[in-house]
Protein backbone atom coordinates (compact mmCIF):
# COMPACT_ATOMS: atom_id res chain seq x y z
CA MET A 1 -48.16 -79.76 -12.96
CA LYS A 2 -47.14 -77.41 -15.79
CA ARG A 3 -44.36 -75.32 -15.37
CA VAL A 4 -46.66 -72.44 -14.88
CA LEU A 5 -47.60 -74.27 -11.89
CA SER A 6 -43.76 -74.51 -10.49
CA PHE A 7 -43.44 -70.93 -11.28
CA MET A 8 -46.65 -70.04 -9.10
CA LEU A 9 -45.21 -72.03 -6.53
CA ALA A 10 -42.03 -70.17 -6.53
CA LEU A 11 -43.56 -66.65 -6.72
CA CYS A 12 -46.08 -67.55 -3.62
CA ALA A 13 -42.74 -68.58 -1.79
CA ALA A 14 -40.78 -65.28 -2.67
CA LEU A 15 -43.74 -63.18 -1.47
CA GLY A 16 -43.78 -65.13 1.69
CA MET A 17 -47.65 -66.42 1.13
CA VAL A 18 -49.04 -69.66 1.47
CA CYS A 19 -50.05 -71.14 -2.09
CA LEU A 20 -53.41 -72.34 -1.36
CA GLY A 21 -55.77 -70.20 0.50
CA GLU A 22 -56.25 -71.14 4.18
CA PRO A 23 -58.71 -73.71 4.61
CA ALA A 24 -61.26 -74.31 7.31
CA GLN A 25 -59.41 -76.13 10.18
CA ALA A 26 -60.25 -79.88 10.84
CA ALA A 27 -61.64 -81.41 14.09
CA GLY A 28 -58.84 -82.65 16.35
CA LYS A 29 -55.06 -81.57 16.44
CA LYS A 30 -53.78 -79.44 13.59
CA LEU A 31 -51.36 -81.35 11.69
CA ILE A 32 -48.43 -80.50 9.57
CA ALA A 33 -45.56 -82.30 7.74
CA VAL A 34 -42.33 -80.99 7.94
CA THR A 35 -39.81 -81.86 5.21
CA TYR A 36 -35.87 -81.59 4.50
CA ASP A 37 -34.63 -81.52 0.76
CA ASP A 38 -31.41 -82.21 -0.73
CA GLY A 39 -29.57 -83.96 2.35
CA PRO A 40 -28.35 -85.90 4.45
CA GLY A 41 -25.26 -83.90 5.25
CA PRO A 42 -23.17 -82.20 7.91
CA TYR A 43 -26.00 -81.06 10.14
CA THR A 44 -28.41 -83.40 9.40
CA GLU A 45 -27.13 -85.44 12.40
CA ARG A 46 -27.56 -82.33 14.50
CA LEU A 47 -30.99 -81.98 13.05
CA LEU A 48 -31.87 -85.38 14.40
CA ASP A 49 -30.86 -84.80 17.71
CA GLY A 50 -33.12 -81.89 17.86
CA LEU A 51 -36.26 -83.93 16.14
CA LYS A 52 -35.77 -87.25 18.55
CA LYS A 53 -35.64 -84.56 21.70
CA ARG A 54 -39.24 -83.17 20.48
CA GLY A 55 -40.80 -86.58 19.45
CA VAL A 56 -41.23 -85.06 15.82
CA LYS A 57 -41.08 -87.20 12.64
CA ALA A 58 -40.10 -85.59 9.72
CA THR A 59 -39.87 -86.53 5.48
CA PHE A 60 -36.43 -86.34 4.32
CA PHE A 61 -36.10 -86.00 0.45
CA MET A 62 -32.69 -87.19 -0.27
CA GLN A 63 -30.35 -86.69 -3.30
CA GLY A 64 -29.03 -90.34 -3.76
CA MET A 65 -25.36 -88.94 -3.71
CA ASN A 66 -25.77 -87.63 -0.62
CA ALA A 67 -27.39 -90.53 0.99
CA ALA A 68 -24.61 -92.75 -0.03
CA ARG A 69 -22.04 -90.70 1.36
CA TYR A 70 -24.13 -90.26 4.88
CA GLU A 71 -25.45 -94.19 5.17
CA LYS A 72 -25.27 -94.40 8.45
CA THR A 73 -27.31 -90.92 9.12
CA VAL A 74 -30.07 -92.39 6.62
CA ALA A 75 -29.90 -95.57 8.48
CA ARG A 76 -30.59 -93.50 11.81
CA MET A 77 -33.24 -91.52 10.20
CA TYR A 78 -35.50 -94.87 9.18
CA ARG A 79 -34.47 -96.49 12.91
CA GLU A 80 -36.03 -93.56 14.77
CA GLY A 81 -39.64 -93.54 12.45
CA HIS A 82 -38.75 -90.79 9.96
CA GLN A 83 -39.85 -91.30 6.38
CA LEU A 84 -37.75 -91.67 3.78
CA ALA A 85 -38.23 -89.90 0.13
CA ASN A 86 -36.82 -89.53 -2.74
CA HIS A 87 -35.19 -86.15 -4.08
CA THR A 88 -33.51 -87.72 -7.50
CA TYR A 89 -29.64 -88.91 -7.31
CA ASN A 90 -28.24 -85.30 -8.51
CA HIS A 91 -31.26 -83.13 -8.76
CA PRO A 92 -31.67 -82.45 -12.63
CA ASP A 93 -34.52 -80.78 -13.89
CA LEU A 94 -36.76 -83.98 -14.57
CA THR A 95 -38.41 -81.94 -17.38
CA ARG A 96 -35.19 -81.73 -19.47
CA LEU A 97 -34.48 -85.87 -19.41
CA SER A 98 -35.82 -88.93 -21.24
CA ALA A 99 -38.07 -91.42 -19.59
CA TRP A 100 -35.15 -93.67 -19.03
CA GLU A 101 -33.21 -90.88 -17.36
CA ILE A 102 -35.81 -90.06 -15.37
CA GLN A 103 -36.23 -93.69 -14.12
CA SER A 104 -32.57 -93.84 -13.82
CA GLN A 105 -32.55 -90.84 -11.60
CA VAL A 106 -35.36 -92.19 -9.21
CA ASN A 107 -34.30 -96.24 -9.21
CA ARG A 108 -30.49 -95.32 -8.36
CA THR A 109 -31.70 -93.48 -5.36
CA ASN A 110 -34.30 -95.98 -4.47
CA SER A 111 -31.64 -98.57 -3.98
CA ILE A 112 -29.47 -96.59 -1.72
CA LEU A 113 -32.47 -96.01 0.48
CA ASP A 114 -33.24 -99.53 0.12
CA LYS A 115 -30.04 -100.52 2.40
CA ALA A 116 -31.94 -98.75 5.23
CA ALA A 117 -35.75 -99.39 4.64
CA GLY A 118 -35.47 -102.93 2.85
CA LYS A 119 -36.08 -103.70 -0.33
CA GLY A 120 -39.73 -103.50 -1.06
CA ALA A 121 -40.26 -100.33 0.59
CA ASP A 122 -41.91 -97.63 -1.47
CA TYR A 123 -40.53 -93.96 -1.87
CA LEU A 124 -42.29 -90.60 -2.46
CA LEU A 125 -40.68 -88.51 -4.97
CA ARG A 126 -39.68 -84.91 -4.82
CA PRO A 127 -39.13 -83.49 -8.21
CA PRO A 128 -35.96 -80.82 -8.02
CA TYR A 129 -37.54 -77.17 -8.51
CA GLY A 130 -40.88 -78.69 -8.48
CA SER A 131 -40.55 -78.92 -11.95
CA TYR A 132 -42.25 -81.65 -13.61
CA ASN A 133 -45.17 -82.65 -16.29
CA SER A 134 -47.00 -85.36 -17.27
CA ALA A 135 -44.08 -87.38 -18.86
CA VAL A 136 -42.37 -87.07 -15.62
CA GLY A 137 -45.33 -88.26 -13.65
CA ARG A 138 -45.59 -91.51 -16.36
CA ALA A 139 -41.42 -92.40 -15.92
CA ALA A 140 -41.39 -91.90 -12.05
CA GLY A 141 -44.17 -94.32 -10.84
CA ALA A 142 -44.53 -92.41 -7.93
CA PRO A 143 -46.60 -90.25 -6.21
CA MET A 144 -45.13 -86.57 -6.29
CA ILE A 145 -44.73 -84.01 -3.15
CA LEU A 146 -44.45 -80.63 -3.43
CA TRP A 147 -45.22 -77.89 -0.67
CA SER A 148 -47.47 -75.12 0.61
CA ILE A 149 -45.12 -73.36 2.59
CA ASP A 150 -41.83 -72.30 1.40
CA PRO A 151 -39.94 -70.01 4.43
CA GLN A 152 -37.06 -69.37 2.00
CA ASP A 153 -34.55 -71.20 4.12
CA TRP A 154 -32.26 -71.33 1.02
CA LEU A 155 -32.73 -67.71 0.54
CA TYR A 156 -32.26 -65.96 4.12
CA ARG A 157 -29.50 -67.94 6.01
CA ASN A 158 -30.92 -66.53 9.26
CA ALA A 159 -32.24 -69.06 11.66
CA ALA A 160 -34.78 -66.25 13.22
CA THR A 161 -35.89 -65.25 9.84
CA VAL A 162 -36.53 -69.12 8.81
CA LYS A 163 -38.61 -69.57 12.21
CA ASN A 164 -40.70 -66.15 11.64
CA ASN A 165 -41.66 -67.32 8.03
CA VAL A 166 -42.24 -70.64 8.95
CA LEU A 167 -44.68 -69.33 11.93
CA ARG A 168 -46.48 -66.69 9.71
CA ASN A 169 -47.60 -69.39 7.08
CA ALA A 170 -48.02 -71.95 9.09
CA HIS A 171 -51.57 -73.71 8.57
CA ASP A 172 -53.29 -76.77 9.56
CA GLY A 173 -52.47 -79.53 6.64
CA ALA A 174 -49.48 -77.70 5.43
CA VAL A 175 -46.36 -79.50 3.72
CA LEU A 176 -43.53 -77.27 5.02
CA LEU A 177 -40.26 -77.10 2.66
CA LEU A 178 -37.07 -76.67 4.47
CA HIS A 179 -33.04 -77.82 3.55
CA ASP A 180 -31.35 -79.87 6.06
CA ILE A 181 -28.40 -78.97 4.15
CA HIS A 182 -27.92 -75.21 5.94
CA SER A 183 -26.92 -74.83 9.44
CA THR A 184 -29.39 -71.55 10.08
CA THR A 185 -32.26 -74.33 8.60
CA VAL A 186 -31.47 -76.58 11.54
CA ASP A 187 -31.49 -74.22 14.52
CA GLY A 188 -34.52 -71.78 13.00
CA SER A 189 -36.90 -74.78 11.90
CA LEU A 190 -36.22 -76.43 15.76
CA SER A 191 -37.32 -73.22 17.15
CA ALA A 192 -40.36 -73.20 14.82
CA ILE A 193 -41.44 -76.40 15.75
CA ASP A 194 -41.01 -75.71 19.71
CA SER A 195 -43.54 -72.46 18.84
CA LEU A 196 -45.99 -74.58 16.96
CA LYS A 197 -46.45 -77.41 19.50
CA ALA A 198 -47.01 -74.83 21.86
CA GLN A 199 -49.94 -73.61 19.30
CA GLY A 200 -51.71 -77.40 18.95
CA TYR A 201 -49.68 -78.33 15.87
CA GLU A 202 -48.61 -82.17 15.68
CA PHE A 203 -46.00 -82.99 13.10
CA VAL A 204 -46.30 -86.06 11.16
CA THR A 205 -44.54 -87.22 7.71
CA VAL A 206 -45.94 -86.84 4.47
CA ARG A 207 -47.24 -90.06 4.50
CA GLU A 208 -49.20 -90.07 7.57
CA LEU A 209 -50.38 -86.42 6.74
CA PHE A 210 -52.47 -87.84 3.85
CA ARG A 211 -53.41 -91.13 5.52
CA ARG A 212 -54.83 -89.59 8.66
CA ARG A 213 -56.92 -86.90 6.77
CA GLY A 214 -57.81 -90.36 4.54
CA ARG A 215 -56.45 -89.46 1.53
CA THR A 216 -54.48 -91.73 -0.84
CA LEU A 217 -51.34 -91.14 -2.65
CA SER A 218 -51.54 -92.24 -6.32
CA ALA A 219 -48.32 -92.62 -8.43
CA GLY A 220 -47.79 -89.93 -11.43
CA SER A 221 -50.14 -87.26 -9.27
CA SER A 222 -49.14 -84.11 -7.58
CA TYR A 223 -49.88 -83.25 -3.90
CA SER A 224 -48.94 -80.07 -1.84
CA GLN A 225 -51.02 -80.15 1.42
CA ALA A 226 -53.72 -82.15 2.83
CA ASN A 227 -56.49 -79.62 3.34
CA PRO A 228 -58.64 -80.18 6.51
CA ASN A 229 -61.76 -82.31 5.80
CA GLY A 230 -62.92 -82.84 9.30
CA LYS A 231 -61.25 -86.48 9.44
CA ASP A 232 -58.24 -87.61 11.65
CA LEU A 233 -57.66 -91.36 11.57
CA GLY A 234 -55.40 -90.91 14.23
CA PRO A 235 -51.68 -91.95 15.13
CA VAL A 236 -50.48 -95.31 14.49
CA GLN A 237 -50.64 -97.14 17.92
CA GLN A 238 -47.42 -98.85 19.19
CA PRO A 239 -48.57 -102.90 20.08
CA GLU A 240 -48.50 -104.89 22.88
CA ILE A 241 -46.06 -107.68 23.47
CA THR A 242 -47.17 -110.37 26.07
CA SER A 243 -45.61 -113.99 27.02
CA GLN A 244 -46.31 -116.75 28.97
CA PRO A 245 -44.33 -120.20 29.65
CA LYS A 246 -44.93 -122.93 27.15
CA GLY A 247 -43.09 -125.92 27.01
CA GLY A 248 -39.96 -124.67 28.23
CA GLN A 249 -39.83 -121.61 26.20
CA LEU A 250 -41.87 -118.47 26.03
CA GLU A 251 -44.89 -118.05 23.71
CA ILE A 252 -45.23 -114.59 22.37
CA THR A 253 -48.11 -112.31 21.42
CA ILE A 254 -48.26 -108.95 19.78
CA THR A 255 -51.53 -107.53 19.40
CA ALA A 256 -52.02 -104.39 17.28
CA GLN A 257 -54.28 -101.71 16.04
CA LYS A 258 -56.71 -103.15 13.21
CA GLY A 259 -55.76 -102.55 9.94
CA THR A 260 -51.92 -102.69 10.69
CA ALA A 261 -49.19 -105.04 9.90
CA VAL A 262 -46.77 -106.04 12.65
CA TYR A 263 -43.16 -106.06 12.11
CA TYR A 264 -40.42 -107.94 14.44
CA SER A 265 -37.17 -109.36 15.09
CA LEU A 266 -35.86 -111.67 18.19
CA ASP A 267 -32.30 -110.51 18.21
CA GLY A 268 -32.82 -106.62 18.70
CA SER A 269 -32.10 -105.79 15.39
CA ASP A 270 -33.74 -102.87 13.77
CA LEU A 271 -36.74 -103.41 11.67
CA ASN A 272 -37.45 -102.67 8.24
CA GLN A 273 -39.68 -103.92 5.35
CA GLN A 274 -37.57 -106.96 5.49
CA SER A 275 -38.29 -107.71 8.93
CA ARG A 276 -40.45 -110.69 9.70
CA ARG A 277 -44.16 -110.27 9.70
CA TYR A 278 -46.36 -111.87 12.92
CA THR A 279 -48.96 -114.08 11.88
CA GLY A 280 -49.79 -115.39 15.09
CA PRO A 281 -48.15 -116.43 18.27
CA PHE A 282 -44.24 -117.92 18.28
CA THR A 283 -42.24 -119.35 20.59
CA VAL A 284 -38.77 -118.22 21.71
CA GLN A 285 -35.60 -119.40 23.75
CA THR A 286 -34.67 -117.04 26.16
CA PRO A 287 -33.01 -114.90 26.90
CA CYS A 288 -33.81 -113.05 23.95
CA THR A 289 -34.73 -109.29 22.79
CA VAL A 290 -38.36 -109.02 20.76
CA LYS A 291 -38.86 -105.67 18.69
CA ALA A 292 -42.20 -105.13 17.34
CA CYS A 293 -43.92 -102.14 15.63
CA ALA A 294 -47.32 -101.75 13.84
CA ALA A 295 -47.51 -99.86 10.41
CA TYR A 296 -49.99 -99.23 7.61
CA ASN A 297 -46.68 -98.58 5.73
CA MET A 298 -43.18 -99.19 6.74
CA ASN A 299 -41.83 -96.05 5.08
CA GLY A 300 -43.56 -93.07 7.03
CA SER A 301 -46.66 -94.39 8.69
CA ARG A 302 -45.63 -96.79 11.68
CA SER A 303 -45.48 -96.70 15.18
CA ASP A 304 -42.51 -96.18 17.38
CA THR A 305 -40.66 -99.70 18.08
CA LEU A 306 -41.42 -101.47 21.30
CA GLU A 307 -38.76 -103.39 22.85
CA LYS A 308 -39.08 -106.03 25.22
CA LYS A 309 -36.07 -108.06 26.97
CA PHE A 310 -37.12 -111.19 28.39
CA ASP A 311 -33.66 -112.08 30.01
CA ARG A 312 -34.86 -114.92 32.40
CA PRO A 313 -33.88 -118.67 31.39
CA ALA A 314 -35.94 -121.33 31.63
CA ALA A 315 -35.62 -123.88 34.36
CA PRO A 316 -33.74 -127.44 33.51
CA ALA A 317 -36.26 -129.82 32.39
CA PRO A 318 -36.30 -132.90 34.83
CA VAL A 319 -35.53 -136.23 33.63
CA LEU A 320 -37.93 -139.01 34.30
CA HIS A 321 -37.45 -142.70 35.46
CA ILE A 322 -39.39 -145.53 36.50
CA GLU A 323 -37.37 -148.47 38.49
CA ASN A 324 -38.96 -151.23 40.11
CA GLY A 325 -42.08 -149.50 40.33
CA PHE A 326 -40.80 -146.25 41.90
CA LEU A 327 -40.92 -142.68 40.15
CA ILE A 328 -37.24 -141.20 40.18
CA ILE A 329 -36.82 -137.64 39.18
CA GLU A 330 -33.39 -136.32 38.23
CA GLY A 331 -31.39 -133.58 36.29
CA THR A 332 -32.55 -130.49 38.49
CA THR A 333 -30.58 -128.12 40.20
CA PRO A 334 -30.99 -126.98 43.83
CA GLU A 335 -32.89 -123.67 43.43
CA VAL A 336 -35.03 -125.47 40.95
CA ALA A 337 -38.44 -127.63 42.52
CA VAL A 338 -39.94 -130.15 40.48
CA TYR A 339 -43.49 -130.55 40.29
CA TYR A 340 -45.30 -133.79 39.28
CA SER A 341 -48.91 -135.17 38.39
CA VAL A 342 -50.03 -138.90 38.30
CA SER A 343 -53.09 -139.77 36.27
CA GLY A 344 -54.45 -143.20 35.09
CA ALA A 345 -54.60 -145.90 37.56
CA GLN A 346 -53.69 -143.70 40.23
CA ASP A 347 -54.57 -139.91 40.81
CA SER A 348 -51.85 -137.68 42.25
CA ASN A 349 -54.81 -134.89 42.48
CA GLY A 350 -52.71 -132.41 41.17
CA ASN A 351 -49.22 -131.01 40.82
CA GLN A 352 -46.82 -132.15 43.95
CA LEU A 353 -43.81 -131.17 45.15
CA TYR A 354 -41.44 -134.33 44.39
CA THR A 355 -39.16 -134.65 47.25
CA GLY A 356 -38.19 -138.44 46.72
CA PRO A 357 -39.15 -141.67 45.05
CA VAL A 358 -42.74 -141.99 44.50
CA ALA A 359 -44.47 -145.66 44.59
CA LEU A 360 -46.70 -146.24 41.45
CA VAL A 361 -48.81 -148.89 40.08
CA PRO A 362 -48.92 -150.35 36.43
CA GLY A 363 -51.21 -148.09 33.78
CA VAL A 364 -50.14 -144.68 34.90
CA ARG A 365 -49.23 -141.55 32.92
CA VAL A 366 -46.67 -139.01 34.83
CA SER A 367 -45.76 -135.39 33.82
CA ALA A 368 -43.26 -133.20 35.59
CA TYR A 369 -41.89 -129.69 35.17
CA GLY A 370 -39.03 -127.62 36.82
CA ALA A 371 -40.17 -124.05 38.39
CA GLY A 372 -38.04 -121.56 40.64
CA GLU A 373 -37.48 -117.91 41.48
CA GLY A 374 -35.62 -116.16 38.22
CA TYR A 375 -36.85 -118.99 35.83
CA TYR A 376 -39.52 -119.47 33.57
CA ASN A 377 -41.05 -123.10 34.03
CA SER A 378 -39.34 -125.82 32.12
CA ALA A 379 -40.93 -127.84 29.41
CA SER A 380 -43.10 -130.40 30.56
CA VAL A 381 -42.00 -134.34 30.25
CA ARG A 382 -43.95 -137.12 30.28
CA ILE A 383 -43.27 -140.69 30.87
CA ALA A 384 -45.67 -143.54 30.92
CA TYR A 385 -45.86 -147.07 33.10
CA SER A 386 -47.91 -149.23 30.84
CA PRO A 387 -50.44 -151.62 32.07
CA LEU A 388 -48.37 -154.40 31.17
CA GLY A 389 -44.98 -152.79 33.34
CA ASN A 390 -43.06 -151.23 30.17
CA VAL A 391 -41.91 -147.74 30.63
CA PHE A 392 -40.98 -146.11 27.44
CA ARG A 393 -40.33 -142.06 27.77
CA ASP A 394 -41.65 -141.65 24.04
CA VAL A 395 -44.51 -143.84 23.94
CA PHE A 396 -47.76 -142.52 25.28
CA HIS A 397 -51.65 -143.28 25.98
CA GLU A 398 -52.74 -141.19 23.33
CA ALA A 399 -50.91 -142.75 20.35
CA TRP A 400 -52.44 -145.09 18.28
CA TYR A 401 -50.03 -147.39 18.61
CA PHE A 402 -49.60 -147.41 22.41
CA ASP A 403 -51.41 -150.88 23.02
CA ALA A 404 -49.46 -152.71 20.18
CA VAL A 405 -45.94 -151.34 21.58
CA ASP A 406 -46.67 -152.17 25.01
CA LYS A 407 -47.84 -155.72 23.78
CA ALA A 408 -45.11 -156.35 21.49
CA ALA A 409 -42.53 -155.16 24.08
CA ALA A 410 -44.06 -157.30 26.64
CA GLU A 411 -43.90 -160.58 25.02
CA GLY A 412 -40.12 -159.56 23.95
CA ILE A 413 -40.93 -159.05 20.11
CA ILE A 414 -39.76 -155.71 19.82
CA GLN A 415 -37.56 -154.17 22.68
CA GLY A 416 -36.89 -150.88 23.45
CA GLN A 417 -33.40 -149.41 22.65
CA GLY A 418 -32.22 -148.62 26.55
CA ASP A 419 -32.63 -145.74 28.72
CA GLY A 420 -36.67 -145.57 28.24
CA VAL A 421 -36.55 -144.97 24.49
CA PHE A 422 -38.61 -147.07 22.17
CA ALA A 423 -38.22 -144.77 19.11
CA PRO A 424 -41.62 -145.38 17.48
CA LYS A 425 -40.70 -143.77 14.79
CA ASP A 426 -37.55 -144.93 13.56
CA SER A 427 -37.53 -146.97 10.65
CA VAL A 428 -37.51 -150.91 10.57
CA THR A 429 -34.27 -152.52 8.85
CA ARG A 430 -34.19 -156.11 6.85
CA GLY A 431 -31.68 -157.34 9.93
CA GLN A 432 -34.75 -156.08 12.51
CA LEU A 433 -37.53 -157.48 10.87
CA VAL A 434 -36.25 -160.74 10.68
CA THR A 435 -35.07 -160.81 14.04
CA PHE A 436 -38.70 -159.97 15.32
CA LEU A 437 -40.17 -163.03 12.98
CA HIS A 438 -37.62 -165.45 14.62
CA ARG A 439 -38.63 -164.21 18.06
CA ILE A 440 -42.50 -164.98 16.62
CA SER A 441 -41.56 -168.09 15.51
CA GLN A 442 -40.07 -169.12 19.22
CA GLU A 443 -37.35 -171.43 17.07
CA THR A 444 -34.43 -169.63 18.76
CA GLY A 445 -31.38 -172.31 18.75
CA ASP A 446 -32.66 -174.48 15.55
CA VAL A 447 -30.07 -173.26 12.78
CA PRO A 448 -26.50 -172.81 13.53
CA ALA A 449 -25.29 -169.21 12.90
CA GLY A 450 -21.76 -167.54 12.64
CA GLU A 451 -18.74 -168.92 10.21
CA GLY A 452 -21.63 -171.37 8.23
CA SER A 453 -23.42 -167.68 7.29
CA PRO A 454 -23.60 -167.31 3.49
CA PHE A 455 -23.77 -163.34 3.63
CA THR A 456 -20.32 -161.29 3.51
CA ASP A 457 -22.13 -158.44 5.42
CA VAL A 458 -23.57 -160.93 8.31
CA PRO A 459 -20.58 -161.45 10.80
CA GLU A 460 -20.68 -163.26 13.99
CA GLY A 461 -22.01 -161.98 17.08
CA LYS A 462 -24.75 -159.32 15.79
CA TYR A 463 -28.03 -159.25 17.48
CA TYR A 464 -29.44 -160.56 13.57
CA THR A 465 -27.08 -163.12 13.03
CA GLU A 466 -29.17 -166.16 14.09
CA ALA A 467 -32.05 -164.73 12.84
CA VAL A 468 -30.87 -164.32 9.20
CA ALA A 469 -29.45 -167.90 9.54
CA TRP A 470 -33.03 -168.74 10.14
CA ALA A 471 -34.66 -166.95 7.47
CA VAL A 472 -32.34 -168.37 5.14
CA GLU A 473 -32.77 -171.75 6.05
CA ASN A 474 -36.81 -171.30 6.35
CA ASP A 475 -36.93 -169.87 2.84
CA VAL A 476 -38.54 -166.31 4.71
CA ALA A 477 -35.76 -164.15 3.23
CA SER A 478 -32.90 -164.09 0.89
CA GLY A 479 -30.12 -162.30 0.00
CA TYR A 480 -28.79 -160.62 -2.72
CA GLU A 481 -26.67 -161.59 -5.89
CA ASP A 482 -23.48 -160.05 -4.70
CA TYR A 483 -23.65 -162.69 -1.54
CA THR A 484 -24.76 -159.48 0.61
CA PHE A 485 -27.92 -159.40 2.84
CA ARG A 486 -27.83 -155.66 3.65
CA PRO A 487 -29.18 -156.07 7.14
CA ASP A 488 -29.00 -152.40 7.87
CA ARG A 489 -30.76 -151.51 4.90
CA LYS A 490 -34.57 -150.02 5.74
CA VAL A 491 -37.01 -152.53 4.64
CA THR A 492 -39.95 -151.04 2.34
CA ARG A 493 -43.67 -152.02 2.70
CA GLN A 494 -43.73 -154.04 -0.56
CA GLU A 495 -40.26 -155.91 0.71
CA MET A 496 -42.00 -156.50 4.30
CA ALA A 497 -45.08 -158.14 2.39
CA CYS A 498 -42.69 -160.82 0.75
CA ILE A 499 -40.79 -161.71 4.11
CA LEU A 500 -44.38 -161.80 6.24
CA TYR A 501 -45.69 -163.35 3.20
CA ARG A 502 -43.44 -166.54 2.92
CA TYR A 503 -42.98 -166.74 6.72
CA MET A 504 -46.77 -167.02 7.14
CA THR A 505 -47.82 -169.25 4.24
CA GLY A 506 -44.18 -171.44 4.40
CA CYS A 507 -43.76 -171.27 8.35
CA CYS A 508 -47.07 -171.37 9.50
CA GLY A 509 -48.97 -173.10 7.10
CA ALA A 510 -51.60 -169.67 6.75
CA ALA A 511 -54.21 -169.89 4.18
CA LEU A 512 -54.25 -166.30 3.21
CA SER A 513 -57.35 -164.24 1.37
CA ALA A 514 -56.90 -162.49 -2.15
CA GLY A 515 -57.97 -159.28 -3.59
CA GLY A 516 -56.85 -156.99 -1.49
CA LEU A 517 -54.52 -154.96 -3.99
CA GLU A 518 -57.58 -153.70 -5.79
CA SER A 519 -58.83 -151.38 -3.03
CA PHE A 520 -55.52 -149.07 -3.47
CA GLN A 521 -55.21 -146.26 -5.65
CA ASP A 522 -51.57 -147.01 -6.25
CA ARG A 523 -51.86 -150.61 -6.86
CA ASN A 524 -49.67 -150.02 -10.38
CA THR A 525 -46.69 -149.11 -8.19
CA VAL A 526 -46.64 -152.22 -6.66
CA ALA A 527 -43.48 -154.07 -7.88
CA ASP A 528 -44.42 -157.21 -9.97
CA TRP A 529 -42.10 -159.56 -7.57
CA ALA A 530 -44.32 -158.23 -4.42
CA LYS A 531 -47.85 -158.19 -6.01
CA GLU A 532 -48.97 -161.50 -4.85
CA ALA A 533 -47.80 -161.06 -1.36
CA ALA A 534 -49.27 -157.59 -1.00
CA ASP A 535 -52.49 -158.41 -2.38
CA ALA A 536 -52.64 -161.34 -0.14
CA LEU A 537 -51.21 -159.26 3.12
CA SER A 538 -53.76 -156.60 2.34
CA ALA A 539 -56.73 -158.95 1.88
CA SER A 540 -55.78 -160.89 4.98
CA GLY A 541 -55.89 -157.21 7.13
CA ILE A 542 -52.25 -157.84 8.05
CA LEU A 543 -50.99 -154.87 6.32
CA GLN A 544 -53.32 -151.55 5.60
CA GLY A 545 -53.14 -148.73 3.40
CA ASP A 546 -53.09 -144.79 4.09
CA THR A 547 -56.29 -142.47 4.92
CA GLU A 548 -56.07 -141.66 1.48
CA GLY A 549 -56.44 -145.31 0.16
CA ASN A 550 -52.51 -145.77 -0.90
CA PHE A 551 -50.64 -148.65 -0.08
CA ARG A 552 -47.54 -146.77 -0.31
CA PRO A 553 -45.10 -149.87 -1.69
CA ALA A 554 -41.76 -148.00 -1.80
CA ASP A 555 -42.44 -146.55 1.94
CA GLY A 556 -40.66 -147.57 4.85
CA CYS A 557 -41.93 -149.03 7.93
CA THR A 558 -41.47 -147.84 11.66
CA ARG A 559 -41.05 -149.50 14.56
CA ALA A 560 -44.86 -148.61 15.92
CA GLU A 561 -46.17 -149.69 12.74
CA ALA A 562 -44.39 -153.18 12.82
CA ALA A 563 -45.50 -153.66 16.43
CA ALA A 564 -48.92 -153.45 14.86
CA VAL A 565 -48.26 -155.64 12.02
CA LEU A 566 -46.07 -158.24 13.73
CA LEU A 567 -49.12 -158.70 16.48
CA ARG A 568 -51.33 -159.15 13.54
CA VAL A 569 -49.18 -161.92 12.45
CA GLN A 570 -49.23 -163.61 15.61
CA GLY A 571 -52.61 -163.68 16.08
CA TYR A 572 -54.09 -164.26 12.69
CA ALA A 573 -56.57 -166.55 12.14
CA PRO A 574 -57.82 -167.23 8.62
CA PRO A 575 -61.69 -166.24 7.99
CA ALA A 576 -64.13 -169.01 8.98
CA ILE A 577 -65.54 -170.98 5.88
């Protein structure tokens, strides 16, 4: 806008006139945006109290130097849903400044407002004195908001006069210019708001005024009112927060108006542009406080914040044991009941209240959870009583390795780690691998161990001491040049191939096939010293690749994988000729 238009705005305001003609009224509620310039100041908190009491959202065009002085007030504005906007840092006439100086005025103030709204928020600009031109628009990089009503509160320091001037010129779609740095403006504007609400006006932020009228604000362009056009897209609806127990936690679902983004926090903290964005249901530990709001824009076009407290704890999860064929459940408190179900070889016919040990037969699966008044249900815990009589709390029927672990454990090849734990995903070490092979060989006691060990890191009395001695004696495995065996080092797949190859060809006299590596995409990454073994073991089906056709020579081997591989080794029979 040219200076001429700025002059006309001022002239119309001085005459108590609306600058543009009164448009036809839109369908639905009459909308008006009340704006306050130049603050925050000593009266702004009282103004905020009044706006909160009336449920009114306003837009505050603030000078950066004042916003920095009243940081807590700015934070309150944003927290209560008002729109933060830019009125430069210290109120210069922007048309008299260079592009760099304009940008400095705008950016400096934006950075101050970011402390409340969060980085990434965008701010409308009101050029001081309504003075701007095309150069200001280009340099500012923001929509420029003027006004259609100026009640001249800056001239008439009288609350009644301010009120009357507002009421005299109020119209649907108006942008009302006020100044919160005057005590009389606070009193007069709140009184005017009461009267206008009685006339059916709804007070919205500047951004909401234009959004609800279906208009887009563009950087560098100027706007003074949103003429009624028969449209009203309606306010931003508050989201809904629902919950349901899931795995000893609460699963939180937030639903909101189509087209809005949802921002939330889990610790009761206030929401801003940097808060978490909702992408789908999530679980929380209780107790906790969830805050959420829906927004088209977090600065000026968002719903009221919904706060929901979840103050009940989850019930303690029960601990399951199977001892001598009986299910025993522990770890609960008197006010928490435990419900269990059995499936597989026997069926409990749904959830049953646990009252004491329950007789089980092999081949069943047990699940249980704790529940009680004042608690969310605990996580469901499981335990399997395998067909071969093994009990592992971390190995379940749906796992690909269940049968392999069951058989390997039943035959004593790989044992559990105590307290019903098998640890199927733990890595196998060199000491463990030769121990497993030693058990398969059934040559226990054939080789003396202890003082005769050639390795400095294989002391007497370790679980692997005898197995290491056996492996070295039978050329199944060897140590390193520094006279160490490194029994606790994780074994790689290519190392395992070499050890298994030596065992099968040397100790067992197995005739293995060849040509297995050709089918793997990463065959060239296998070390030269391991290629013959890896080629033979993969061709014979002892070692297999992943679903993408890779051998993964440098990867480790899990205890579950070892169980499957060792059973193949134990049962290997060469193809018939």
